[in-house]
Amino acid sequence: MGAHLPSKPDTQSHEFLMTRPDPKPTQPPTQAPAVKADVMTIRQMCAAFEVTPRTLRFYEAKELLTPIRQGTKRLFTRRDRARLTLILRGKRFGFSLEDIRQTLDLYDRDGSDAAQRQRACEIARERLAIMEAQRAELDVAIAELKTELAASAVRRTAAPHAAE
């Protein structure tokens, strides 16, 4: 009746099928074990993350993403998708690509996310301080501009009366 799904992902091979597995394969798989249902094409990635192919190729060229290459075809793994999520979040928060790279590299080095989370928090605090300072500067500029506009409006309305 219901689809039979594995109770938990196979952490050894890092495979997790999103669809019901075929109970009786008709022929042995012709693809490498890493190329299964847990990969996405560049087109699927673009649709899922609302980015352009150029963006994905840029991050690949910067070695932030490492898709599987099959000729000219790029296949993005769950690792690539997780990394892209972090990249886009970092960019939204104003992190530099180098900050993002360092954070991602911390995870790759020790296999846990403790160092990565700590570094990300440090970078985030620094970025937040910068953003709050920028907002304070903008608040001052906005107040000054409003004052100037109000003074200008008063001068415009007062000018015709002065000519009488």
C-alpha atoms as a PDB file:
ATOM      1  CA  MET A   1       0.000   0.000   0.000  1.00  0.00           C
ATOM      2  CA  GLY A   2       2.499   2.682   1.137  1.00  0.00           C
ATOM      3  CA  ALA A   3       5.919   3.162  -0.357  1.00  0.00           C
ATOM      4  CA  HIS A   4       8.690   1.318   1.415  1.00  0.00           C
ATOM      5  CA  LEU A   5      11.461   3.732   2.293  1.00  0.00           C
ATOM      6  CA  PRO A   6      14.564   3.001   4.327  1.00  0.00           C
ATOM      7  CA  SER A   7      13.982   3.938   7.955  1.00  0.00           C
ATOM      8  CA  LYS A   8      17.123   6.049   8.000  1.00  0.00           C
ATOM      9  CA  PRO A   9      19.734   7.118   5.463  1.00  0.00           C
ATOM     10  CA  ASP A  10      22.647   4.817   4.755  1.00  0.00           C
ATOM     11  CA  THR A  11      25.417   6.845   6.369  1.00  0.00           C
ATOM     12  CA  GLN A  12      28.174   4.632   4.972  1.00  0.00           C
ATOM     13  CA  SER A  13      27.465   5.317   1.300  1.00  0.00           C
ATOM     14  CA  HIS A  14      25.705   8.665   1.866  1.00  0.00           C
ATOM     15  CA  GLU A  15      22.787   7.511  -0.262  1.00  0.00           C
ATOM     16  CA  PHE A  16      19.181   8.246   0.481  1.00  0.00           C
ATOM     17  CA  LEU A  17      16.669   7.494  -2.214  1.00  0.00           C
ATOM     18  CA  MET A  18      13.772   9.914  -2.423  1.00  0.00           C
ATOM     19  CA  THR A  19      11.634   7.434  -4.363  1.00  0.00           C
ATOM     20  CA  ARG A  20      10.637   3.854  -3.716  1.00  0.00           C
ATOM     21  CA  PRO A  21      13.519   1.538  -4.578  1.00  0.00           C
ATOM     22  CA  ASP A  22      12.880  -0.912  -7.415  1.00  0.00           C
ATOM     23  CA  PRO A  23      12.410  -4.277  -5.708  1.00  0.00           C
ATOM     24  CA  LYS A  24      13.735  -6.257  -8.701  1.00  0.00           C
ATOM     25  CA  PRO A  25      16.406  -4.471 -10.724  1.00  0.00           C
ATOM     26  CA  THR A  26      16.353  -5.773 -14.280  1.00  0.00           C
ATOM     27  CA  GLN A  27      20.013  -5.080 -14.917  1.00  0.00           C
ATOM     28  CA  PRO A  28      23.027  -4.046 -12.859  1.00  0.00           C
ATOM     29  CA  PRO A  29      23.560  -0.298 -12.492  1.00  0.00           C
ATOM     30  CA  THR A  30      25.816   1.162 -15.148  1.00  0.00           C
ATOM     31  CA  GLN A  31      26.637   4.306 -13.171  1.00  0.00           C
ATOM     32  CA  ALA A  32      29.221   4.808 -10.467  1.00  0.00           C
ATOM     33  CA  PRO A  33      27.792   4.334  -6.943  1.00  0.00           C
ATOM     34  CA  ALA A  34      27.970   8.084  -6.207  1.00  0.00           C
ATOM     35  CA  VAL A  35      25.689   8.860  -9.159  1.00  0.00           C
ATOM     36  CA  LYS A  36      22.217   7.914  -7.956  1.00  0.00           C
ATOM     37  CA  ALA A  37      18.938   9.591  -7.146  1.00  0.00           C
ATOM     38  CA  ASP A  38      20.660  11.918  -4.684  1.00  0.00           C
ATOM     39  CA  VAL A  39      22.253  14.036  -7.406  1.00  0.00           C
ATOM     40  CA  MET A  40      20.819  16.987  -9.290  1.00  0.00           C
ATOM     41  CA  THR A  41      21.634  18.407 -12.689  1.00  0.00           C
ATOM     42  CA  ILE A  42      22.638  22.022 -13.129  1.00  0.00           C
ATOM     43  CA  ARG A  43      19.128  22.818 -14.363  1.00  0.00           C
ATOM     44  CA  GLN A  44      17.561  21.242 -11.261  1.00  0.00           C
ATOM     45  CA  MET A  45      19.974  23.129  -9.018  1.00  0.00           C
ATOM     46  CA  CYS A  46      19.130  26.411 -10.727  1.00  0.00           C
ATOM     47  CA  ALA A  47      15.421  25.809 -10.233  1.00  0.00           C
ATOM     48  CA  ALA A  48      15.767  24.634  -6.635  1.00  0.00           C
ATOM     49  CA  PHE A  49      18.025  27.482  -5.494  1.00  0.00           C
ATOM     50  CA  GLU A  50      16.864  30.222  -7.869  1.00  0.00           C
ATOM     51  CA  VAL A  51      20.366  30.822  -9.226  1.00  0.00           C
ATOM     52  CA  THR A  52      21.753  30.890 -12.756  1.00  0.00           C
ATOM     53  CA  PRO A  53      24.019  28.278 -14.340  1.00  0.00           C
ATOM     54  CA  ARG A  54      26.663  30.980 -14.442  1.00  0.00           C
ATOM     55  CA  THR A  55      26.431  31.319 -10.647  1.00  0.00           C
ATOM     56  CA  LEU A  56      26.950  27.575 -10.174  1.00  0.00           C
ATOM     57  CA  ARG A  57      29.881  27.535 -12.596  1.00  0.00           C
ATOM     58  CA  PHE A  58      31.379  30.532 -10.771  1.00  0.00           C
ATOM     59  CA  TYR A  59      31.213  28.752  -7.409  1.00  0.00           C
ATOM     60  CA  GLU A  60      32.653  25.647  -9.049  1.00  0.00           C
ATOM     61  CA  ALA A  61      35.531  27.680 -10.512  1.00  0.00           C
ATOM     62  CA  LYS A  62      36.165  29.141  -7.031  1.00  0.00           C
ATOM     63  CA  GLU A  63      36.231  25.537  -5.739  1.00  0.00           C
ATOM     64  CA  LEU A  64      33.322  26.130  -3.383  1.00  0.00           C
ATOM     65  CA  LEU A  65      31.287  23.460  -5.187  1.00  0.00           C
ATOM     66  CA  THR A  66      32.674  20.241  -6.642  1.00  0.00           C
ATOM     67  CA  PRO A  67      30.015  18.558  -8.761  1.00  0.00           C
ATOM     68  CA  ILE A  68      30.591  15.166 -10.330  1.00  0.00           C
ATOM     69  CA  ARG A  69      31.578  15.635 -13.968  1.00  0.00           C
ATOM     70  CA  GLN A  70      30.344  13.279 -16.670  1.00  0.00           C
ATOM     71  CA  GLY A  71      31.719  14.786 -19.841  1.00  0.00           C
ATOM     72  CA  THR A  72      30.189  18.250 -19.941  1.00  0.00           C
ATOM     73  CA  LYS A  73      27.392  17.272 -17.543  1.00  0.00           C
ATOM     74  CA  ARG A  74      27.576  18.410 -13.920  1.00  0.00           C
ATOM     75  CA  LEU A  75      25.873  16.387 -11.209  1.00  0.00           C
ATOM     76  CA  PHE A  76      25.514  18.036  -7.819  1.00  0.00           C
ATOM     77  CA  THR A  77      25.478  15.864  -4.693  1.00  0.00           C
ATOM     78  CA  ARG A  78      23.772  16.462  -1.360  1.00  0.00           C
ATOM     79  CA  ARG A  79      27.112  17.848  -0.147  1.00  0.00           C
ATOM     80  CA  ASP A  80      27.069  20.416  -2.980  1.00  0.00           C
ATOM     81  CA  ARG A  81      23.488  21.347  -2.145  1.00  0.00           C
ATOM     82  CA  ALA A  82      24.328  21.816   1.532  1.00  0.00           C
ATOM     83  CA  ARG A  83      27.365  23.903   0.607  1.00  0.00           C
ATOM     84  CA  LEU A  84      25.317  26.043  -1.812  1.00  0.00           C
ATOM     85  CA  THR A  85      22.741  26.652   0.920  1.00  0.00           C
ATOM     86  CA  LEU A  86      25.525  27.905   3.202  1.00  0.00           C
ATOM     87  CA  ILE A  87      27.118  29.956   0.398  1.00  0.00           C
ATOM     88  CA  LEU A  88      23.850  31.708  -0.430  1.00  0.00           C
ATOM     89  CA  ARG A  89      23.097  32.321   3.245  1.00  0.00           C
ATOM     90  CA  GLY A  90      26.585  33.752   3.737  1.00  0.00           C
ATOM     91  CA  LYS A  91      26.208  36.033   0.707  1.00  0.00           C
ATOM     92  CA  ARG A  92      22.808  37.225   1.962  1.00  0.00           C
ATOM     93  CA  PHE A  93      24.448  38.156   5.270  1.00  0.00           C
ATOM     94  CA  GLY A  94      27.221  39.997   3.461  1.00  0.00           C
ATOM     95  CA  PHE A  95      30.043  37.521   4.083  1.00  0.00           C
ATOM     96  CA  SER A  96      32.911  37.615   1.611  1.00  0.00           C
ATOM     97  CA  LEU A  97      33.601  34.546  -0.505  1.00  0.00           C
ATOM     98  CA  GLU A  98      36.832  34.075   1.431  1.00  0.00           C
ATOM     99  CA  ASP A  99      34.911  34.065   4.746  1.00  0.00           C
ATOM    100  CA  ILE A 100      32.520  31.509   3.281  1.00  0.00           C
ATOM    101  CA  ARG A 101      35.398  29.381   1.967  1.00  0.00           C
ATOM    102  CA  GLN A 102      37.127  29.376   5.348  1.00  0.00           C
ATOM    103  CA  THR A 103      33.926  28.349   7.090  1.00  0.00           C
ATOM    104  CA  LEU A 104      33.267  25.548   4.612  1.00  0.00           C
ATOM    105  CA  ASP A 105      36.883  24.376   4.776  1.00  0.00           C
ATOM    106  CA  LEU A 106      36.682  24.074   8.561  1.00  0.00           C
ATOM    107  CA  TYR A 107      33.913  21.522   8.187  1.00  0.00           C
ATOM    108  CA  ASP A 108      35.823  19.589   5.538  1.00  0.00           C
ATOM    109  CA  ARG A 109      38.933  19.371   7.705  1.00  0.00           C
ATOM    110  CA  ASP A 110      37.610  17.771  10.861  1.00  0.00           C
ATOM    111  CA  GLY A 111      34.328  16.275   9.655  1.00  0.00           C
ATOM    112  CA  SER A 112      32.282  17.947  12.375  1.00  0.00           C
ATOM    113  CA  ASP A 113      30.596  21.274  12.362  1.00  0.00           C
ATOM    114  CA  ALA A 114      31.783  22.566  15.764  1.00  0.00           C
ATOM    115  CA  ALA A 115      34.704  24.613  14.398  1.00  0.00           C
ATOM    116  CA  GLN A 116      32.593  25.686  11.441  1.00  0.00           C
ATOM    117  CA  ARG A 117      29.784  26.925  13.675  1.00  0.00           C
ATOM    118  CA  GLN A 118      32.197  28.778  15.946  1.00  0.00           C
ATOM    119  CA  ARG A 119      33.915  30.518  13.012  1.00  0.00           C
ATOM    120  CA  ALA A 120      30.575  31.283  11.376  1.00  0.00           C
ATOM    121  CA  CYS A 121      29.408  32.906  14.632  1.00  0.00           C
ATOM    122  CA  GLU A 122      32.575  35.010  14.809  1.00  0.00           C
ATOM    123  CA  ILE A 123      32.146  36.159  11.219  1.00  0.00           C
ATOM    124  CA  ALA A 124      28.438  36.792  11.806  1.00  0.00           C
ATOM    125  CA  ARG A 125      29.126  38.943  14.876  1.00  0.00           C
ATOM    126  CA  GLU A 126      31.683  40.980  12.922  1.00  0.00           C
ATOM    127  CA  ARG A 127      29.280  41.375  10.003  1.00  0.00           C
ATOM    128  CA  LEU A 128      26.410  42.329  12.312  1.00  0.00           C
ATOM    129  CA  ALA A 129      28.532  45.055  13.920  1.00  0.00           C
ATOM    130  CA  ILE A 130      29.370  46.431  10.465  1.00  0.00           C
ATOM    131  CA  MET A 131      25.727  46.324   9.365  1.00  0.00           C
ATOM    132  CA  GLU A 132      24.539  48.042  12.558  1.00  0.00           C
ATOM    133  CA  ALA A 133      27.150  50.794  12.088  1.00  0.00           C
ATOM    134  CA  GLN A 134      25.987  51.222   8.486  1.00  0.00           C
ATOM    135  CA  ARG A 135      22.371  51.384   9.639  1.00  0.00           C
ATOM    136  CA  ALA A 136      23.269  54.039  12.221  1.00  0.00           C
ATOM    137  CA  GLU A 137      25.000  56.073   9.506  1.00  0.00           C
ATOM    138  CA  LEU A 138      21.943  55.654   7.261  1.00  0.00           C
ATOM    139  CA  ASP A 139      19.613  56.712  10.085  1.00  0.00           C
ATOM    140  CA  VAL A 140      21.634  59.926  10.523  1.00  0.00           C
ATOM    141  CA  ALA A 141      21.684  60.568   6.752  1.00  0.00           C
ATOM    142  CA  ILE A 142      17.932  59.918   6.500  1.00  0.00           C
ATOM    143  CA  ALA A 143      17.191  62.298   9.377  1.00  0.00           C
ATOM    144  CA  GLU A 144      19.386  64.998   7.803  1.00  0.00           C
ATOM    145  CA  LEU A 145      17.724  64.541   4.425  1.00  0.00           C
ATOM    146  CA  LYS A 146      14.252  64.762   5.965  1.00  0.00           C
ATOM    147  CA  THR A 147      15.267  67.948   7.781  1.00  0.00           C
ATOM    148  CA  GLU A 148      16.601  69.457   4.551  1.00  0.00           C
ATOM    149  CA  LEU A 149      13.452  68.521   2.638  1.00  0.00           C
ATOM    150  CA  ALA A 150      11.239  70.031   5.364  1.00  0.00           C
ATOM    151  CA  ALA A 151      13.323  73.227   5.431  1.00  0.00           C
ATOM    152  CA  SER A 152      13.170  73.403   1.642  1.00  0.00           C
ATOM    153  CA  ALA A 153       9.388  73.038   1.698  1.00  0.00           C
ATOM    154  CA  VAL A 154       9.102  75.827   4.294  1.00  0.00           C
ATOM    155  CA  ARG A 155      11.336  78.109   2.167  1.00  0.00           C
ATOM    156  CA  ARG A 156       9.251  77.371  -0.933  1.00  0.00           C
ATOM    157  CA  THR A 157       5.979  78.223   0.807  1.00  0.00           C
ATOM    158  CA  ALA A 158       7.489  81.295   2.504  1.00  0.00           C
ATOM    159  CA  ALA A 159       9.081  82.657  -0.711  1.00  0.00           C
ATOM    160  CA  PRO A 160       5.799  83.734  -2.438  1.00  0.00           C
ATOM    161  CA  HIS A 161       4.664  85.573   0.692  1.00  0.00           C
ATOM    162  CA  ALA A 162       7.956  87.458   0.971  1.00  0.00           C
ATOM    163  CA  ALA A 163       7.542  88.828  -2.567  1.00  0.00           C
ATOM    164  CA  GLU A 164       4.214  90.534  -1.702  1.00  0.00           C
END
